[in-house]
């Protein structure tokens, strides 16, 4: 129901309408937002900057526009991760936890962070929790690096303009040069690993779950305590994750 004119807070109304645009637009420039909202560019810029500061919007990979941020993802998934896709991802996750016996997650890339969109928990007494809704630095995670490896050199330069990267653990790539070298290896072998880079004592492996376009870019991750997730085991899990990602009805399938 529409609010009575006298009770409308104009700036709040503009912000809410702008957030709703992210349900139908992958990215928005300031000019596009201003045109769609029928407000001035300065107003659109202030609202987008405010949303970015609160995590409801973020700079897209090109650096020229904005996309949905992690806080908006927690409240409601954008159109590119709607009910139909969630149902297909659920089938993949059910299959993956059965094949690997480990905690599995689907993750999406938002700026330089990933968000866990869904997951299934291992039945092992010692296990990793799925952490649905949580965000993590992309450069420190298997899922994040898998998704970064799908990006172009120009997109990566925009996303990581500085050489120094913030280390999460002593194993995290601390420079853009080191990260880019890792991404090159990922492209060759087709999967990404996290050897205690995001959390000490936890390893992970990730494979692509869907296409490389922003609207359907997801990765499938298996997270394993380090004492049963060495290099050989992670390689085996990568094969199993690929099998799960290929189940009928997977995201991106025809």
Protein backbone atom coordinates (compact mmCIF):
# COMPACT_ATOMS: atom_id res chain seq x y z
CA UNK A 1 0.00 0.00 0.00
CA UNK A 2 1.40 3.43 -0.90
CA UNK A 3 2.22 5.80 1.94
CA UNK A 4 0.35 9.06 2.37
CA UNK A 5 2.40 11.87 0.78
CA UNK A 6 2.84 13.66 4.10
CA UNK A 7 4.46 10.62 5.69
CA UNK A 8 6.97 9.79 2.92
CA UNK A 9 10.67 10.28 3.71
CA UNK A 10 11.92 11.16 0.25
CA UNK A 11 15.55 10.06 0.66
CA UNK A 12 14.52 6.73 2.21
CA UNK A 13 11.99 6.17 -0.56
CA UNK A 14 14.70 6.81 -3.18
CA UNK A 15 17.06 4.36 -1.49
CA UNK A 16 14.44 1.64 -1.29
CA UNK A 17 13.49 2.11 -4.93
CA UNK A 18 17.15 1.95 -5.92
CA UNK A 19 17.69 -1.30 -4.01
CA UNK A 20 14.69 -2.76 -5.80
CA UNK A 21 16.36 -2.00 -9.14
CA UNK A 22 19.09 -4.53 -8.28
CA UNK A 23 16.45 -7.26 -8.54
CA UNK A 24 16.27 -6.66 -12.29
CA UNK A 25 19.67 -5.15 -13.13
CA UNK A 26 23.07 -6.82 -12.73
CA UNK A 27 24.79 -3.42 -12.56
CA UNK A 28 23.79 0.22 -12.54
CA UNK A 29 25.80 3.34 -13.33
CA UNK A 30 24.99 6.60 -11.59
CA UNK A 31 23.42 7.93 -14.79
CA UNK A 32 21.30 4.80 -15.27
CA UNK A 33 20.08 4.92 -11.68
CA UNK A 34 19.26 8.60 -11.97
CA UNK A 35 17.28 8.01 -15.16
CA UNK A 36 15.32 5.06 -13.83
CA UNK A 37 14.51 6.82 -10.56
CA UNK A 38 13.88 10.18 -12.25
CA UNK A 39 16.23 11.99 -9.87
CA UNK A 40 19.35 14.07 -10.39
CA UNK A 41 22.76 12.42 -10.84
CA UNK A 42 24.01 13.94 -7.59
CA UNK A 43 21.08 12.41 -5.70
CA UNK A 44 21.64 9.02 -7.30
CA UNK A 45 25.35 9.20 -6.50
CA UNK A 46 24.71 10.06 -2.83
CA UNK A 47 22.22 7.22 -2.44
CA UNK A 48 24.54 4.69 -4.13
CA UNK A 49 27.45 5.83 -1.98
CA UNK A 50 25.33 5.48 1.16
CA UNK A 51 24.21 1.99 0.14
CA UNK A 52 27.82 1.05 -0.61
CA UNK A 53 28.93 2.23 2.83
CA UNK A 54 26.31 0.01 4.47
CA UNK A 55 27.06 -3.03 2.30
CA UNK A 56 23.83 -2.91 0.28
CA UNK A 57 25.69 -2.03 -2.93
CA UNK A 58 29.22 -2.46 -4.20
CA UNK A 59 31.37 -1.45 -7.15
CA UNK A 60 31.09 -3.93 -10.01
CA UNK A 61 34.07 -5.57 -11.68
CA UNK A 62 34.35 -2.84 -14.32
CA UNK A 63 34.63 -0.10 -11.71
CA UNK A 64 32.11 1.99 -13.66
CA UNK A 65 28.91 0.87 -11.96
CA UNK A 66 27.35 -0.66 -8.86
CA UNK A 67 25.88 -4.08 -8.16
CA UNK A 68 24.01 -5.68 -5.25
CA UNK A 69 26.08 -5.87 -2.07
CA UNK A 70 26.31 -8.65 0.53
CA UNK A 71 23.75 -7.10 2.88
CA UNK A 72 21.19 -6.95 0.09
CA UNK A 73 22.00 -10.57 -0.75
CA UNK A 74 21.19 -11.55 2.83
CA UNK A 75 17.80 -9.84 2.66
CA UNK A 76 16.76 -11.23 -0.70
CA UNK A 77 18.58 -12.70 -3.65
CA UNK A 78 18.80 -10.68 -6.88
CA UNK A 79 17.07 -11.98 -10.00
CA UNK A 80 20.15 -13.91 -11.12
CA UNK A 81 19.76 -16.16 -8.05
CA UNK A 82 16.03 -16.69 -7.98
CA UNK A 83 13.86 -19.58 -6.80
CA UNK A 84 14.40 -21.74 -9.91
CA UNK A 85 18.18 -21.49 -9.61
CA UNK A 86 18.08 -22.19 -5.87
CA UNK A 87 16.13 -25.37 -6.52
CA UNK A 88 18.72 -26.57 -9.04
CA UNK A 89 21.59 -25.63 -6.72
CA UNK A 90 19.91 -27.60 -3.94
CA UNK A 91 19.99 -30.73 -6.11
CA UNK A 92 23.70 -30.22 -6.79
CA UNK A 93 24.48 -29.68 -3.10
CA UNK A 94 22.54 -32.80 -2.08
CA UNK A 95 24.52 -34.81 -4.60
CA UNK A 96 27.85 -33.24 -3.64
CA UNK A 97 27.54 -33.87 0.10
CA UNK A 98 26.70 -37.49 -0.70
CA UNK A 99 29.68 -37.93 -3.02
CA UNK A 100 32.27 -36.15 -0.88
CA UNK A 101 30.99 -36.81 2.65
CA UNK A 102 32.15 -33.26 3.47
CA UNK A 103 30.46 -29.91 3.98
CA UNK A 104 29.65 -28.35 0.60
CA UNK A 105 28.64 -24.82 -0.33
CA UNK A 106 27.54 -22.76 -3.29
CA UNK A 107 29.18 -19.34 -3.38
CA UNK A 108 28.70 -16.19 -5.46
CA UNK A 109 31.13 -13.36 -6.11
CA UNK A 110 30.20 -9.83 -5.05
CA UNK A 111 32.99 -7.38 -5.70
CA UNK A 112 36.11 -8.71 -4.01
CA UNK A 113 34.18 -10.94 -1.60
CA UNK A 114 32.19 -14.14 -1.84
CA UNK A 115 28.90 -14.87 -0.16
CA UNK A 116 27.77 -18.38 0.75
CA UNK A 117 24.37 -18.71 -0.89
CA UNK A 118 23.54 -22.24 0.32
CA UNK A 119 25.23 -25.30 1.78
CA UNK A 120 24.98 -28.80 3.20
CA UNK A 121 26.75 -29.91 6.38
CA UNK A 122 28.91 -33.02 6.65
CA UNK A 123 27.86 -35.83 8.97
CA UNK A 124 31.41 -36.21 10.34
CA UNK A 125 31.77 -35.44 14.08
CA UNK A 126 34.52 -32.93 13.19
CA UNK A 127 33.31 -30.82 10.31
CA UNK A 128 33.09 -27.37 8.79
CA UNK A 129 29.80 -25.50 9.10
CA UNK A 130 28.24 -24.22 5.85
CA UNK A 131 27.99 -20.57 6.97
CA UNK A 132 25.12 -19.65 4.64
CA UNK A 133 24.89 -15.87 4.29
CA UNK A 134 28.44 -15.20 5.45
CA UNK A 135 30.94 -13.31 3.31
CA UNK A 136 34.70 -13.84 2.97
CA UNK A 137 37.56 -12.19 1.05
CA UNK A 138 37.59 -13.80 -2.40
CA UNK A 139 41.39 -13.95 -2.69
CA UNK A 140 41.63 -16.10 0.46
CA UNK A 141 39.08 -18.79 -0.44
CA UNK A 142 38.87 -21.66 -2.91
CA UNK A 143 35.44 -20.56 -4.15
CA UNK A 144 36.53 -16.97 -4.49
CA UNK A 145 39.67 -17.82 -6.44
CA UNK A 146 37.69 -20.14 -8.72
CA UNK A 147 35.32 -17.30 -9.57
CA UNK A 148 38.14 -14.77 -9.92
CA UNK A 149 39.81 -17.12 -12.41
CA UNK A 150 36.78 -16.66 -14.68
CA UNK A 151 37.34 -12.91 -14.90
CA UNK A 152 39.32 -11.00 -17.50
CA UNK A 153 42.66 -9.34 -16.78
CA UNK A 154 41.02 -5.93 -16.98
CA UNK A 155 38.31 -6.87 -14.49
CA UNK A 156 40.92 -8.20 -12.06
CA UNK A 157 43.00 -5.03 -12.36
CA UNK A 158 39.93 -2.98 -11.50
CA UNK A 159 39.00 -5.24 -8.60
CA UNK A 160 42.54 -5.29 -7.19
CA UNK A 161 44.17 -1.96 -8.09
CA UNK A 162 46.82 -2.23 -5.35
CA UNK A 163 49.68 -4.72 -5.20
CA UNK A 164 49.22 -5.44 -1.51
CA UNK A 165 46.38 -7.75 -0.42
CA UNK A 166 45.16 -8.16 3.13
CA UNK A 167 46.28 -11.56 4.47
CA UNK A 168 43.68 -13.55 6.40
CA UNK A 169 46.20 -16.16 7.59
CA UNK A 170 49.93 -16.60 7.03
CA UNK A 171 49.08 -18.76 4.00
CA UNK A 172 46.94 -16.15 2.21
CA UNK A 173 48.31 -14.58 -0.98
CA UNK A 174 49.49 -11.16 0.23
CA UNK A 175 50.06 -9.57 -3.18
CA UNK A 176 48.21 -9.18 -6.46
CA UNK A 177 51.15 -10.80 -8.26
CA UNK A 178 50.89 -13.92 -6.10
CA UNK A 179 47.12 -14.06 -6.56
CA UNK A 180 47.36 -13.74 -10.35
CA UNK A 181 49.89 -16.59 -10.42
CA UNK A 182 47.44 -18.75 -8.46
CA UNK A 183 44.64 -17.88 -10.87
CA UNK A 184 46.78 -18.93 -13.83
CA UNK A 185 47.29 -22.36 -12.23
CA UNK A 186 43.58 -22.64 -11.50
CA UNK A 187 42.70 -22.02 -15.14
CA UNK A 188 45.07 -24.81 -16.19
CA UNK A 189 43.85 -27.49 -13.79
CA UNK A 190 40.20 -26.43 -13.64
CA UNK A 191 39.76 -26.22 -9.87
CA UNK A 192 40.91 -24.05 -6.97
CA UNK A 193 42.21 -24.99 -3.53
CA UNK A 194 42.43 -23.24 -0.19
CA UNK A 195 45.16 -24.70 1.99
CA UNK A 196 44.48 -22.91 5.25
CA UNK A 197 44.33 -19.52 3.51
CA UNK A 198 40.95 -18.50 4.94
CA UNK A 199 41.13 -20.33 8.29
CA UNK A 200 43.90 -22.30 9.96
CA UNK A 201 43.17 -26.01 10.09
CA UNK A 202 40.64 -25.91 7.25
CA UNK A 203 41.22 -26.74 3.59
CA UNK A 204 38.82 -26.46 0.66
CA UNK A 205 38.48 -27.14 -3.06
CA UNK A 206 36.16 -25.48 -5.58
CA UNK A 207 34.96 -26.04 -9.15
CA UNK A 208 32.74 -23.91 -11.40
CA UNK A 209 29.05 -24.55 -10.87
CA UNK A 210 27.60 -22.38 -13.59
CA UNK A 211 28.46 -20.04 -16.45
CA UNK A 212 30.92 -17.17 -16.33
CA UNK A 213 28.37 -14.37 -16.87
CA UNK A 214 27.68 -12.23 -13.77
CA UNK A 215 24.05 -13.33 -13.68
CA UNK A 216 24.87 -17.03 -13.17
CA UNK A 217 28.42 -17.04 -11.77
CA UNK A 218 28.59 -19.59 -8.94
CA UNK A 219 31.18 -22.03 -7.59
CA UNK A 220 30.76 -25.35 -5.78
CA UNK A 221 33.02 -25.80 -2.74
CA UNK A 222 33.89 -28.70 -0.44
CA UNK A 223 35.41 -27.67 2.92
CA UNK A 224 37.45 -30.19 4.90
CA UNK A 225 39.38 -30.23 8.20
CA UNK A 226 43.07 -30.21 7.27
CA UNK A 227 43.81 -33.59 8.87
CA UNK A 228 41.64 -35.37 6.28
CA UNK A 229 41.93 -32.87 3.43
CA UNK A 230 45.45 -32.99 2.04
CA UNK A 231 46.44 -32.33 -1.56
CA UNK A 232 45.50 -35.81 -2.78
CA UNK A 233 42.14 -35.78 -1.02
CA UNK A 234 41.30 -32.33 -2.36
CA UNK A 235 42.09 -33.49 -5.89
CA UNK A 236 39.71 -36.42 -5.45
CA UNK A 237 37.02 -34.13 -4.08
CA UNK A 238 37.45 -31.88 -7.12
CA UNK A 239 36.55 -34.82 -9.36
CA UNK A 240 33.49 -35.58 -7.26
CA UNK A 241 32.39 -31.94 -7.26
CA UNK A 242 32.63 -31.87 -11.05
CA UNK A 243 30.38 -34.93 -11.19
CA UNK A 244 27.86 -33.20 -8.93
CA UNK A 245 28.02 -29.98 -10.93
CA UNK A 246 27.07 -32.02 -14.01
CA UNK A 247 23.86 -33.48 -12.56
CA UNK A 248 20.75 -32.82 -14.70
CA UNK A 249 19.10 -29.53 -13.96
CA UNK A 250 22.31 -27.89 -12.70
CA UNK A 251 22.54 -24.08 -12.90
CA UNK A 252 23.48 -22.97 -16.39
CA UNK A 253 22.22 -26.20 -17.98
CA UNK A 254 20.05 -25.96 -21.03
